[in-house]
Amino acid sequence: MKLSYRQKIGKANKKIWLNKSKEEKEIFSKKMREIALLKKYSPPSRKGMKATLKTKLKISKSRKGKKRPPLSKEWKQKISETLKYKYKIGEIKTVITKEQIEKSRTTHIKRYKNYIYKTKEKKRLRKGVKWKRWREAVFKRDNYTCQSCKIKGGILEPHHIKSWAKYPKLRFKVNNGLTLCHNCHKLTKNYGNPKSRRINYEKKILSRG
């Protein structure tokens, strides 16, 4: 690949800069700063410019093992002033208050506690005697055959026609159960697959009965 005129000049300047000593570099940088102040030169902003992978890796290596110092009071005041100014202009449309944070926190805690309680209850019921009897009764009624693919034996699972969570009274009723293999059980409504793969097993039960 042939280098352009600018690339050649850049390479030559790099060689000159590397050959210079530290004192010469410091003198040169001071002179350039004085020239910039006289001309009132402001360098172009890098807003919107994306850094390359090499620069990102260099920044990450330099910052490894270093902790940012804690924010001072002056720094915090500057941040608050800028945010207030942006809110007045309309750049920031919403401001989260302390009351909103407390409300969201309490709701998250309640949901988490309910989730733990439901999971514990589910495990307790599914390891109990009622579950095992209901499971055996459903398998015996269907003669240990999958009601969708009609294959006998294999890895069979009992399926609730009406969901476990929405209908707690129908959990251990034999009419609400179906024997299915593992692959067919994945395609049911209660298993959480998309609508295109779901099979309507209720129609099969009605046609059977």
N, C-alpha and C. Protein backbone atom coordinates (compact mmCIF):
# COMPACT_ATOMS: atom_id res chain seq x y z
N MET A 1 0.84 -1.21 0.00
CA MET A 1 0.00 0.00 0.00
C MET A 1 0.88 1.26 0.00
N LYS A 2 0.59 2.16 -0.94
CA LYS A 2 1.34 3.40 -1.02
C LYS A 2 0.80 4.39 0.00
N LEU A 3 1.71 5.07 0.69
CA LEU A 3 1.32 6.07 1.68
C LEU A 3 1.09 7.42 1.02
N SER A 4 0.12 8.15 1.56
CA SER A 4 -0.16 9.48 1.04
C SER A 4 0.87 10.48 1.58
N TYR A 5 0.79 11.72 1.09
CA TYR A 5 1.74 12.76 1.50
C TYR A 5 1.59 13.07 2.98
N ARG A 6 0.35 13.13 3.46
CA ARG A 6 0.10 13.44 4.87
C ARG A 6 0.61 12.32 5.79
N GLN A 7 0.39 11.08 5.38
CA GLN A 7 0.87 9.94 6.17
C GLN A 7 2.38 9.92 6.29
N LYS A 8 3.07 10.27 5.20
CA LYS A 8 4.54 10.33 5.22
C LYS A 8 5.04 11.40 6.19
N ILE A 9 4.37 12.58 6.16
CA ILE A 9 4.75 13.67 7.07
C ILE A 9 4.50 13.27 8.52
N GLY A 10 3.37 12.57 8.76
CA GLY A 10 3.04 12.10 10.10
C GLY A 10 4.08 11.14 10.66
N LYS A 11 4.52 10.22 9.85
CA LYS A 11 5.55 9.26 10.27
C LYS A 11 6.87 9.97 10.57
N ALA A 12 7.23 10.94 9.74
CA ALA A 12 8.48 11.68 9.94
C ALA A 12 8.42 12.50 11.24
N ASN A 13 7.28 13.13 11.50
CA ASN A 13 7.12 13.91 12.74
C ASN A 13 7.19 13.03 13.98
N LYS A 14 6.63 11.81 13.90
CA LYS A 14 6.68 10.86 15.02
C LYS A 14 8.13 10.48 15.35
N LYS A 15 8.92 10.25 14.33
CA LYS A 15 10.34 9.89 14.54
C LYS A 15 11.10 11.03 15.22
N ILE A 16 10.81 12.25 14.75
CA ILE A 16 11.46 13.43 15.35
C ILE A 16 11.07 13.58 16.81
N TRP A 17 9.76 13.37 17.09
CA TRP A 17 9.26 13.52 18.47
C TRP A 17 9.84 12.47 19.41
N LEU A 18 9.99 11.24 18.93
CA LEU A 18 10.53 10.16 19.77
C LEU A 18 12.02 10.35 20.07
N ASN A 19 12.71 10.93 19.14
CA ASN A 19 14.15 11.17 19.33
C ASN A 19 14.44 12.30 20.31
N LYS A 20 13.45 13.15 20.56
CA LYS A 20 13.65 14.28 21.47
C LYS A 20 13.71 13.82 22.92
N SER A 21 14.40 14.58 23.75
CA SER A 21 14.46 14.28 25.19
C SER A 21 13.22 14.84 25.90
N LYS A 22 13.08 14.53 27.20
CA LYS A 22 11.92 14.98 27.98
C LYS A 22 11.90 16.50 28.13
N GLU A 23 13.09 17.09 28.32
CA GLU A 23 13.19 18.55 28.49
C GLU A 23 12.77 19.28 27.22
N GLU A 24 13.21 18.78 26.08
CA GLU A 24 12.84 19.38 24.79
C GLU A 24 11.34 19.29 24.54
N LYS A 25 10.76 18.15 24.94
CA LYS A 25 9.31 17.96 24.77
C LYS A 25 8.52 18.94 25.64
N GLU A 26 8.98 19.13 26.89
CA GLU A 26 8.31 20.06 27.80
C GLU A 26 8.38 21.50 27.29
N ILE A 27 9.53 21.89 26.77
CA ILE A 27 9.70 23.25 26.22
C ILE A 27 8.78 23.46 25.02
N PHE A 28 8.71 22.46 24.16
CA PHE A 28 7.86 22.54 22.97
C PHE A 28 6.38 22.66 23.35
N SER A 29 5.95 21.86 24.35
CA SER A 29 4.55 21.89 24.79
C SER A 29 4.19 23.24 25.42
N LYS A 30 5.12 23.84 26.17
CA LYS A 30 4.90 25.17 26.76
C LYS A 30 4.73 26.24 25.69
N LYS A 31 5.57 26.17 24.67
CA LYS A 31 5.49 27.12 23.56
C LYS A 31 4.14 27.03 22.83
N MET A 32 3.69 25.81 22.63
CA MET A 32 2.42 25.59 21.94
C MET A 32 1.23 26.10 22.77
N ARG A 33 1.32 25.95 24.09
CA ARG A 33 0.28 26.48 24.96
C ARG A 33 0.22 28.01 24.91
N GLU A 34 1.40 28.65 24.91
CA GLU A 34 1.47 30.11 24.83
C GLU A 34 0.87 30.61 23.51
N ILE A 35 1.17 29.92 22.44
CA ILE A 35 0.63 30.29 21.12
C ILE A 35 -0.89 30.14 21.10
N ALA A 36 -1.38 29.06 21.73
CA ALA A 36 -2.82 28.83 21.78
C ALA A 36 -3.53 29.91 22.58
N LEU A 37 -2.92 30.35 23.70
CA LEU A 37 -3.51 31.41 24.52
C LEU A 37 -3.52 32.76 23.78
N LEU A 38 -2.47 33.06 23.04
CA LEU A 38 -2.40 34.30 22.27
C LEU A 38 -3.47 34.33 21.16
N LYS A 39 -3.60 33.22 20.49
CA LYS A 39 -4.58 33.12 19.39
C LYS A 39 -6.00 32.88 19.90
N LYS A 40 -6.13 32.62 21.21
CA LYS A 40 -7.43 32.24 21.80
C LYS A 40 -8.02 31.03 21.05
N TYR A 41 -7.14 30.07 20.90
CA TYR A 41 -7.52 28.86 20.15
C TYR A 41 -8.18 27.86 21.09
N SER A 42 -9.34 27.38 20.70
CA SER A 42 -10.02 26.31 21.45
C SER A 42 -10.10 25.08 20.56
N PRO A 43 -9.60 23.94 21.02
CA PRO A 43 -9.61 22.74 20.17
C PRO A 43 -11.04 22.26 19.89
N PRO A 44 -11.26 21.62 18.76
CA PRO A 44 -12.62 21.17 18.41
C PRO A 44 -13.12 20.11 19.40
N SER A 45 -14.41 20.19 19.72
CA SER A 45 -15.00 19.24 20.68
C SER A 45 -15.13 17.86 20.06
N ARG A 46 -14.98 16.86 20.91
CA ARG A 46 -15.09 15.46 20.46
C ARG A 46 -16.49 14.89 20.72
N LYS A 47 -17.47 15.76 20.76
CA LYS A 47 -18.86 15.33 21.01
C LYS A 47 -19.38 14.57 19.79
N GLY A 48 -19.91 13.39 20.03
CA GLY A 48 -20.43 12.55 18.95
C GLY A 48 -19.42 11.66 18.29
N MET A 49 -18.13 11.86 18.58
CA MET A 49 -17.07 11.03 17.99
C MET A 49 -16.88 9.75 18.81
N LYS A 50 -16.76 8.64 18.12
CA LYS A 50 -16.61 7.34 18.78
C LYS A 50 -15.13 6.95 18.84
N ALA A 51 -14.75 6.43 20.00
CA ALA A 51 -13.36 5.98 20.17
C ALA A 51 -13.16 4.61 19.53
N THR A 52 -11.95 4.36 19.05
CA THR A 52 -11.62 3.06 18.44
C THR A 52 -11.37 2.02 19.53
N LEU A 53 -11.27 0.77 19.09
CA LEU A 53 -11.04 -0.33 20.04
C LEU A 53 -9.68 -0.21 20.73
N LYS A 54 -8.69 0.26 20.01
CA LYS A 54 -7.35 0.42 20.59
C LYS A 54 -7.36 1.43 21.73
N THR A 55 -8.02 2.56 21.50
CA THR A 55 -8.09 3.60 22.55
C THR A 55 -8.88 3.11 23.75
N LYS A 56 -9.97 2.36 23.49
CA LYS A 56 -10.77 1.81 24.59
C LYS A 56 -9.96 0.85 25.46
N LEU A 57 -9.17 0.01 24.79
CA LEU A 57 -8.31 -0.95 25.52
C LEU A 57 -7.24 -0.23 26.33
N LYS A 58 -6.68 0.83 25.77
CA LYS A 58 -5.68 1.62 26.49
C LYS A 58 -6.27 2.27 27.74
N ILE A 59 -7.49 2.81 27.58
CA ILE A 59 -8.16 3.46 28.72
C ILE A 59 -8.48 2.45 29.81
N SER A 60 -8.94 1.25 29.40
CA SER A 60 -9.28 0.22 30.38
C SER A 60 -8.05 -0.28 31.13
N LYS A 61 -6.92 -0.43 30.41
CA LYS A 61 -5.67 -0.87 31.06
C LYS A 61 -5.14 0.17 32.05
N SER A 62 -5.26 1.44 31.66
CA SER A 62 -4.78 2.51 32.55
C SER A 62 -5.63 2.65 33.80
N ARG A 63 -6.93 2.31 33.69
CA ARG A 63 -7.85 2.48 34.83
C ARG A 63 -7.98 1.25 35.71
N LYS A 64 -7.37 0.15 35.32
CA LYS A 64 -7.47 -1.09 36.10
C LYS A 64 -6.75 -0.94 37.44
N GLY A 65 -7.45 -1.37 38.50
CA GLY A 65 -6.88 -1.29 39.85
C GLY A 65 -6.95 0.07 40.49
N LYS A 66 -7.47 1.08 39.76
CA LYS A 66 -7.60 2.42 40.31
C LYS A 66 -9.05 2.70 40.68
N LYS A 67 -9.25 3.29 41.85
CA LYS A 67 -10.58 3.66 42.31
C LYS A 67 -10.77 5.17 42.14
N ARG A 68 -11.99 5.53 41.70
CA ARG A 68 -12.29 6.95 41.55
C ARG A 68 -12.42 7.59 42.92
N PRO A 69 -11.85 8.78 43.12
CA PRO A 69 -11.98 9.43 44.43
C PRO A 69 -13.43 9.83 44.70
N PRO A 70 -13.83 9.94 45.97
CA PRO A 70 -15.22 10.29 46.28
C PRO A 70 -15.56 11.70 45.81
N LEU A 71 -16.82 11.91 45.47
CA LEU A 71 -17.26 13.20 44.95
C LEU A 71 -17.21 14.26 46.04
N SER A 72 -16.63 15.40 45.71
CA SER A 72 -16.58 16.52 46.66
C SER A 72 -17.92 17.27 46.65
N LYS A 73 -18.10 18.17 47.62
CA LYS A 73 -19.34 18.95 47.73
C LYS A 73 -19.51 19.89 46.53
N GLU A 74 -18.40 20.50 46.11
CA GLU A 74 -18.45 21.41 44.96
C GLU A 74 -18.86 20.68 43.68
N TRP A 75 -18.31 19.47 43.51
CA TRP A 75 -18.63 18.65 42.34
C TRP A 75 -20.12 18.28 42.34
N LYS A 76 -20.63 17.89 43.52
CA LYS A 76 -22.04 17.54 43.63
C LYS A 76 -22.96 18.73 43.34
N GLN A 77 -22.56 19.90 43.82
CA GLN A 77 -23.34 21.11 43.56
C GLN A 77 -23.40 21.45 42.07
N LYS A 78 -22.27 21.28 41.39
CA LYS A 78 -22.21 21.52 39.95
C LYS A 78 -23.13 20.57 39.18
N ILE A 79 -23.13 19.29 39.60
CA ILE A 79 -23.99 18.29 38.94
C ILE A 79 -25.46 18.65 39.15
N SER A 80 -25.81 19.05 40.37
CA SER A 80 -27.21 19.41 40.67
C SER A 80 -27.65 20.64 39.89
N GLU A 81 -26.74 21.62 39.76
CA GLU A 81 -27.06 22.84 39.00
C GLU A 81 -27.30 22.54 37.52
N THR A 82 -26.45 21.69 36.95
CA THR A 82 -26.60 21.33 35.54
C THR A 82 -27.90 20.57 35.29
N LEU A 83 -28.25 19.67 36.21
CA LEU A 83 -29.50 18.90 36.07
C LEU A 83 -30.72 19.81 36.19
N LYS A 84 -30.67 20.77 37.12
CA LYS A 84 -31.78 21.73 37.27
C LYS A 84 -31.95 22.59 36.02
N TYR A 85 -30.82 23.01 35.45
CA TYR A 85 -30.85 23.82 34.24
C TYR A 85 -31.44 23.03 33.07
N LYS A 86 -31.04 21.76 32.95
CA LYS A 86 -31.57 20.90 31.87
C LYS A 86 -33.05 20.64 32.05
N TYR A 87 -33.49 20.52 33.31
CA TYR A 87 -34.91 20.30 33.60
C TYR A 87 -35.75 21.53 33.22
N LYS A 88 -35.18 22.74 33.45
CA LYS A 88 -35.88 23.98 33.09
C LYS A 88 -36.00 24.11 31.57
N ILE A 89 -34.93 23.80 30.86
CA ILE A 89 -34.93 23.90 29.39
C ILE A 89 -35.90 22.89 28.78
N GLY A 90 -35.93 21.69 29.35
CA GLY A 90 -36.80 20.63 28.82
C GLY A 90 -36.04 19.44 28.29
N GLU A 91 -34.72 19.42 28.48
CA GLU A 91 -33.94 18.25 28.07
C GLU A 91 -34.27 17.03 28.93
N ILE A 92 -34.41 17.26 30.23
CA ILE A 92 -34.85 16.21 31.16
C ILE A 92 -36.32 16.48 31.48
N LYS A 93 -37.18 15.52 31.13
CA LYS A 93 -38.62 15.72 31.30
C LYS A 93 -39.14 15.26 32.66
N THR A 94 -38.50 14.26 33.23
CA THR A 94 -38.96 13.71 34.52
C THR A 94 -37.83 13.73 35.53
N VAL A 95 -38.21 14.01 36.75
CA VAL A 95 -37.26 13.97 37.87
C VAL A 95 -37.82 13.02 38.93
N ILE A 96 -37.03 12.03 39.34
CA ILE A 96 -37.47 11.04 40.32
C ILE A 96 -37.28 11.61 41.72
N THR A 97 -38.36 11.63 42.48
CA THR A 97 -38.31 12.13 43.86
C THR A 97 -38.00 10.99 44.82
N LYS A 98 -37.77 11.34 46.09
CA LYS A 98 -37.47 10.34 47.11
C LYS A 98 -38.70 9.47 47.40
N GLU A 99 -39.88 10.08 47.33
CA GLU A 99 -41.13 9.33 47.58
C GLU A 99 -41.33 8.25 46.51
N GLN A 100 -41.06 8.59 45.26
CA GLN A 100 -41.18 7.61 44.17
C GLN A 100 -40.19 6.46 44.34
N ILE A 101 -38.99 6.78 44.78
CA ILE A 101 -37.96 5.74 45.00
C ILE A 101 -38.40 4.79 46.11
N GLU A 102 -38.95 5.34 47.20
CA GLU A 102 -39.43 4.52 48.32
C GLU A 102 -40.59 3.62 47.91
N LYS A 103 -41.50 4.17 47.11
CA LYS A 103 -42.65 3.38 46.64
C LYS A 103 -42.20 2.21 45.77
N SER A 104 -41.29 2.50 44.83
CA SER A 104 -40.79 1.43 43.95
C SER A 104 -40.04 0.37 44.75
N ARG A 105 -39.33 0.80 45.76
CA ARG A 105 -38.57 -0.12 46.60
C ARG A 105 -39.50 -1.06 47.36
N THR A 106 -40.56 -0.49 47.95
CA THR A 106 -41.52 -1.31 48.71
C THR A 106 -42.25 -2.30 47.81
N THR A 107 -42.62 -1.86 46.60
CA THR A 107 -43.31 -2.77 45.66
C THR A 107 -42.41 -3.93 45.25
N HIS A 108 -41.13 -3.64 44.99
CA HIS A 108 -40.18 -4.70 44.62
C HIS A 108 -40.01 -5.71 45.75
N ILE A 109 -39.95 -5.23 46.99
CA ILE A 109 -39.79 -6.12 48.15
C ILE A 109 -41.01 -7.02 48.31
N LYS A 110 -42.21 -6.43 48.14
CA LYS A 110 -43.45 -7.21 48.26
C LYS A 110 -43.53 -8.29 47.19
N ARG A 111 -43.18 -7.93 45.97
CA ARG A 111 -43.20 -8.90 44.87
C ARG A 111 -42.22 -10.04 45.13
N TYR A 112 -41.05 -9.70 45.60
CA TYR A 112 -40.03 -10.72 45.88
C TYR A 112 -40.50 -11.69 46.97
N LYS A 113 -41.13 -11.14 48.03
CA LYS A 113 -41.62 -11.99 49.12
C LYS A 113 -42.74 -12.91 48.65
N ASN A 114 -43.66 -12.35 47.82
CA ASN A 114 -44.74 -13.17 47.27
C ASN A 114 -44.21 -14.28 46.38
N TYR A 115 -43.18 -13.95 45.59
CA TYR A 115 -42.57 -14.95 44.70
C TYR A 115 -41.95 -16.10 45.49
N ILE A 116 -41.25 -15.77 46.58
CA ILE A 116 -40.62 -16.80 47.43
C ILE A 116 -41.69 -17.67 48.08
N TYR A 117 -42.76 -17.03 48.56
CA TYR A 117 -43.84 -17.78 49.23
C TYR A 117 -44.52 -18.74 48.26
N LYS A 118 -44.77 -18.25 47.03
CA LYS A 118 -45.45 -19.09 46.03
C LYS A 118 -44.57 -20.27 45.61
N THR A 119 -43.29 -20.02 45.42
CA THR A 119 -42.39 -21.10 45.02
C THR A 119 -42.25 -22.17 46.11
N LYS A 120 -42.18 -21.73 47.37
CA LYS A 120 -42.10 -22.68 48.48
C LYS A 120 -43.37 -23.52 48.58
N GLU A 121 -44.52 -22.86 48.42
CA GLU A 121 -45.80 -23.57 48.48
C GLU A 121 -45.91 -24.57 47.34
N LYS A 122 -45.48 -24.15 46.15
CA LYS A 122 -45.52 -25.02 44.98
C LYS A 122 -44.67 -26.28 45.18
N LYS A 123 -43.46 -26.08 45.71
CA LYS A 123 -42.57 -27.22 45.97
C LYS A 123 -43.15 -28.16 47.02
N ARG A 124 -43.73 -27.56 48.04
CA ARG A 124 -44.31 -28.37 49.13
C ARG A 124 -45.47 -29.22 48.63
N LEU A 125 -46.34 -28.64 47.79
CA LEU A 125 -47.50 -29.37 47.28
C LEU A 125 -47.09 -30.42 46.25
N ARG A 126 -46.10 -30.12 45.44
CA ARG A 126 -45.70 -31.05 44.38
C ARG A 126 -44.85 -32.22 44.89
N LYS A 127 -44.39 -32.12 46.11
CA LYS A 127 -43.69 -33.24 46.73
C LYS A 127 -44.58 -34.03 47.69
N GLY A 128 -45.82 -33.61 47.79
CA GLY A 128 -46.74 -34.25 48.74
C GLY A 128 -47.41 -35.50 48.20
N VAL A 129 -48.25 -36.10 49.05
CA VAL A 129 -48.95 -37.35 48.70
C VAL A 129 -50.07 -37.10 47.71
N LYS A 130 -50.76 -35.96 47.86
CA LYS A 130 -51.89 -35.62 46.96
C LYS A 130 -51.42 -35.55 45.51
N TRP A 131 -50.27 -34.90 45.29
CA TRP A 131 -49.73 -34.76 43.94
C TRP A 131 -49.41 -36.12 43.33
N LYS A 132 -48.80 -37.00 44.12
CA LYS A 132 -48.41 -38.33 43.61
C LYS A 132 -49.63 -39.17 43.26
N ARG A 133 -50.67 -39.11 44.10
CA ARG A 133 -51.91 -39.86 43.82
C ARG A 133 -52.62 -39.33 42.58
N TRP A 134 -52.69 -38.00 42.46
CA TRP A 134 -53.33 -37.38 41.29
C TRP A 134 -52.58 -37.75 40.01
N ARG A 135 -51.28 -37.75 40.08
CA ARG A 135 -50.42 -38.09 38.93
C ARG A 135 -50.66 -39.53 38.49
N GLU A 136 -50.68 -40.44 39.42
CA GLU A 136 -50.90 -41.87 39.11
C GLU A 136 -52.29 -42.10 38.54
N ALA A 137 -53.29 -41.40 39.08
CA ALA A 137 -54.68 -41.55 38.60
C ALA A 137 -54.82 -41.06 37.16
N VAL A 138 -54.15 -39.96 36.82
CA VAL A 138 -54.20 -39.43 35.45
C VAL A 138 -53.51 -40.38 34.48
N PHE A 139 -52.37 -40.93 34.88
CA PHE A 139 -51.64 -41.88 34.02
C PHE A 139 -52.44 -43.17 33.79
N LYS A 140 -53.08 -43.67 34.83
CA LYS A 140 -53.88 -44.90 34.70
C LYS A 140 -55.10 -44.68 33.80
N ARG A 141 -55.74 -43.52 33.94
CA ARG A 141 -56.91 -43.23 33.12
C ARG A 141 -56.56 -43.20 31.63
N ASP A 142 -55.39 -42.62 31.31
CA ASP A 142 -54.96 -42.50 29.91
C ASP A 142 -54.10 -43.68 29.45
N ASN A 143 -53.97 -44.70 30.28
CA ASN A 143 -53.24 -45.95 29.94
C ASN A 143 -51.77 -45.67 29.60
N TYR A 144 -51.17 -44.71 30.33
CA TYR A 144 -49.74 -44.39 30.20
C TYR A 144 -49.35 -44.06 28.75
N THR A 145 -50.23 -43.32 28.06
CA THR A 145 -49.96 -42.90 26.67
C THR A 145 -50.12 -41.39 26.54
N CYS A 146 -49.27 -40.79 25.73
CA CYS A 146 -49.35 -39.34 25.47
C CYS A 146 -50.58 -39.06 24.63
N GLN A 147 -51.38 -38.09 25.03
CA GLN A 147 -52.65 -37.80 24.38
C GLN A 147 -52.50 -36.95 23.13
N SER A 148 -51.31 -36.46 22.83
CA SER A 148 -51.11 -35.68 21.59
C SER A 148 -50.44 -36.54 20.52
N CYS A 149 -49.32 -37.19 20.84
CA CYS A 149 -48.60 -38.01 19.84
C CYS A 149 -48.98 -39.50 19.93
N LYS A 150 -49.73 -39.91 20.95
CA LYS A 150 -50.26 -41.28 21.12
C LYS A 150 -49.13 -42.32 21.24
N ILE A 151 -48.00 -41.93 21.85
CA ILE A 151 -46.89 -42.87 22.08
C ILE A 151 -46.98 -43.35 23.52
N LYS A 152 -46.89 -44.65 23.71
CA LYS A 152 -47.01 -45.25 25.04
C LYS A 152 -45.64 -45.31 25.71
N GLY A 153 -45.64 -44.99 27.02
CA GLY A 153 -44.41 -45.06 27.80
C GLY A 153 -43.51 -43.86 27.55
N GLY A 154 -42.27 -43.99 27.99
CA GLY A 154 -41.31 -42.89 27.85
C GLY A 154 -41.37 -41.94 29.04
N ILE A 155 -40.88 -40.74 28.85
CA ILE A 155 -40.90 -39.71 29.90
C ILE A 155 -42.25 -39.01 29.87
N LEU A 156 -43.12 -39.43 30.75
CA LEU A 156 -44.48 -38.86 30.82
C LEU A 156 -44.58 -37.80 31.91
N GLU A 157 -45.43 -36.81 31.65
CA GLU A 157 -45.65 -35.72 32.60
C GLU A 157 -47.13 -35.38 32.66
N PRO A 158 -47.68 -35.13 33.85
CA PRO A 158 -49.08 -34.72 33.94
C PRO A 158 -49.24 -33.23 33.65
N HIS A 159 -50.21 -32.91 32.82
CA HIS A 159 -50.46 -31.52 32.42
C HIS A 159 -51.80 -31.03 32.97
N HIS A 160 -51.79 -29.81 33.53
CA HIS A 160 -53.03 -29.18 33.99
C HIS A 160 -53.69 -28.45 32.83
N ILE A 161 -54.94 -28.82 32.53
CA ILE A 161 -55.67 -28.15 31.44
C ILE A 161 -55.95 -26.70 31.82
N LYS A 162 -56.45 -26.51 33.02
CA LYS A 162 -56.60 -25.17 33.60
C LYS A 162 -55.45 -24.96 34.58
N SER A 163 -54.81 -23.80 34.46
CA SER A 163 -53.49 -23.58 35.07
C SER A 163 -53.49 -23.77 36.59
N TRP A 164 -52.30 -24.13 37.08
CA TRP A 164 -52.06 -24.37 38.50
C TRP A 164 -52.28 -23.10 39.33
N ALA A 165 -51.85 -21.95 38.82
CA ALA A 165 -51.91 -20.70 39.58
C ALA A 165 -53.31 -20.10 39.58
N LYS A 166 -53.99 -20.09 38.43
CA LYS A 166 -55.29 -19.42 38.31
C LYS A 166 -56.44 -20.22 38.91
N TYR A 167 -56.34 -21.53 38.89
CA TYR A 167 -57.41 -22.39 39.39
C TYR A 167 -56.87 -23.32 40.49
N PRO A 168 -56.71 -22.83 41.71
CA PRO A 168 -56.15 -23.66 42.79
C PRO A 168 -57.10 -24.79 43.24
N LYS A 169 -58.41 -24.61 43.04
CA LYS A 169 -59.38 -25.64 43.44
C LYS A 169 -59.34 -26.87 42.53
N LEU A 170 -58.90 -26.68 41.29
CA LEU A 170 -58.86 -27.78 40.31
C LEU A 170 -57.47 -28.42 40.19
N ARG A 171 -56.62 -28.20 41.16
CA ARG A 171 -55.25 -28.70 41.07
C ARG A 171 -55.17 -30.22 41.12
N PHE A 172 -55.95 -30.82 41.99
CA PHE A 172 -55.85 -32.27 42.23
C PHE A 172 -57.11 -33.01 41.76
N LYS A 173 -57.79 -32.46 40.75
CA LYS A 173 -58.92 -33.15 40.15
C LYS A 173 -58.46 -33.86 38.89
N VAL A 174 -58.92 -35.11 38.75
CA VAL A 174 -58.44 -35.96 37.65
C VAL A 174 -58.93 -35.44 36.30
N ASN A 175 -60.14 -34.84 36.25
CA ASN A 175 -60.66 -34.30 34.99
C ASN A 175 -59.84 -33.13 34.46
N ASN A 176 -59.08 -32.48 35.32
CA ASN A 176 -58.25 -31.35 34.92
C ASN A 176 -56.84 -31.78 34.51
N GLY A 177 -56.59 -33.09 34.42
CA GLY A 177 -55.25 -33.59 34.10
C GLY A 177 -55.17 -34.28 32.75
N LEU A 178 -53.98 -34.28 32.18
CA LEU A 178 -53.71 -34.95 30.90
C LEU A 178 -52.31 -35.54 30.94
N THR A 179 -52.14 -36.74 30.39
CA THR A 179 -50.81 -37.34 30.28
C THR A 179 -50.17 -36.90 28.97
N LEU A 180 -48.99 -36.35 29.07
CA LEU A 180 -48.24 -35.90 27.90
C LEU A 180 -46.77 -36.27 28.06
N CYS A 181 -46.11 -36.46 26.92
CA CYS A 181 -44.66 -36.66 26.96
C CYS A 181 -43.97 -35.30 27.15
N HIS A 182 -42.69 -35.34 27.40
CA HIS A 182 -41.95 -34.10 27.71
C HIS A 182 -41.96 -33.11 26.55
N ASN A 183 -41.79 -33.60 25.33
CA ASN A 183 -41.75 -32.72 24.14
C ASN A 183 -43.11 -32.08 23.87
N CYS A 184 -44.19 -32.85 24.07
CA CYS A 184 -45.54 -32.31 23.85
C CYS A 184 -45.95 -31.37 24.98
N HIS A 185 -45.45 -31.62 26.17
CA HIS A 185 -45.77 -30.76 27.32
C HIS A 185 -45.16 -29.36 27.16
N LYS A 186 -44.05 -29.27 26.44
CA LYS A 186 -43.41 -27.97 26.19
C LYS A 186 -44.29 -27.05 25.34
N LEU A 187 -45.14 -27.64 24.49
CA LEU A 187 -45.96 -26.86 23.56
C LEU A 187 -47.30 -26.41 24.13
N THR A 188 -47.53 -26.66 25.40
CA THR A 188 -48.82 -26.29 26.01
C THR A 188 -48.86 -24.82 26.39
N LYS A 189 -50.06 -24.35 26.73
CA LYS A 189 -50.26 -22.94 27.09
C LYS A 189 -49.53 -22.60 28.38
N ASN A 190 -49.57 -23.48 29.34
CA ASN A 190 -49.00 -23.19 30.67
C ASN A 190 -47.47 -23.30 30.71
N TYR A 191 -46.86 -23.83 29.65
CA TYR A 191 -45.40 -24.01 29.64
C TYR A 191 -44.66 -22.75 29.24
N GLY A 192 -45.35 -21.80 28.59
CA GLY A 192 -44.75 -20.51 28.29
C GLY A 192 -44.07 -20.39 26.95
N ASN A 193 -44.49 -21.18 25.95
CA ASN A 193 -43.96 -21.06 24.60
C ASN A 193 -44.81 -20.09 23.78
N PRO A 194 -44.34 -19.62 22.60
CA PRO A 194 -45.13 -18.68 21.81
C PRO A 194 -46.43 -19.27 21.30
N LYS A 195 -47.36 -18.40 20.86
CA LYS A 195 -48.71 -18.82 20.46
C LYS A 195 -48.69 -19.72 19.23
N SER A 196 -47.73 -19.50 18.34
CA SER A 196 -47.68 -20.29 17.10
C SER A 196 -47.42 -21.77 17.38
N ARG A 197 -46.73 -22.11 18.49
CA ARG A 197 -46.39 -23.50 18.80
C ARG A 197 -47.35 -24.15 19.78
N ARG A 198 -48.31 -23.41 20.29
CA ARG A 198 -49.22 -23.97 21.28
C ARG A 198 -50.24 -24.91 20.64
N ILE A 199 -50.65 -25.91 21.41
CA ILE A 199 -51.66 -26.88 20.97
C ILE A 199 -52.86 -26.75 21.89
N ASN A 200 -54.06 -26.69 21.32
CA ASN A 200 -55.28 -26.56 22.12
C ASN A 200 -55.75 -27.96 22.51
N TYR A 201 -55.34 -28.38 23.74
CA TYR A 201 -55.65 -29.72 24.21
C TYR A 201 -57.09 -29.84 24.72
N GLU A 202 -57.73 -28.74 25.01
CA GLU A 202 -59.10 -28.78 25.54
C GLU A 202 -60.07 -29.32 24.49
N LYS A 203 -59.84 -28.96 23.22
CA LYS A 203 -60.69 -29.46 22.13
C LYS A 203 -60.55 -30.98 21.98
N LYS A 204 -59.36 -31.49 22.19
CA LYS A 204 -59.12 -32.94 22.09
C LYS A 204 -59.88 -33.69 23.18
N ILE A 205 -59.92 -33.09 24.36
CA ILE A 205 -60.61 -33.73 25.50
C ILE A 205 -62.11 -33.76 25.23
N LEU A 206 -62.63 -32.64 24.73
CA LEU A 206 -64.08 -32.58 24.42
C LEU A 206 -64.46 -33.58 23.33
N SER A 207 -63.61 -33.69 22.31
CA SER A 207 -63.89 -34.66 21.23
C SER A 207 -63.77 -36.09 21.72
N ARG A 208 -62.87 -36.32 22.69
CA ARG A 208 -62.68 -37.66 23.25
C ARG A 208 -63.89 -38.08 24.10
N GLY A 209 -64.40 -37.10 24.90
CA GLY A 209 -65.51 -37.40 25.81
C GLY A 209 -66.84 -37.28 25.13
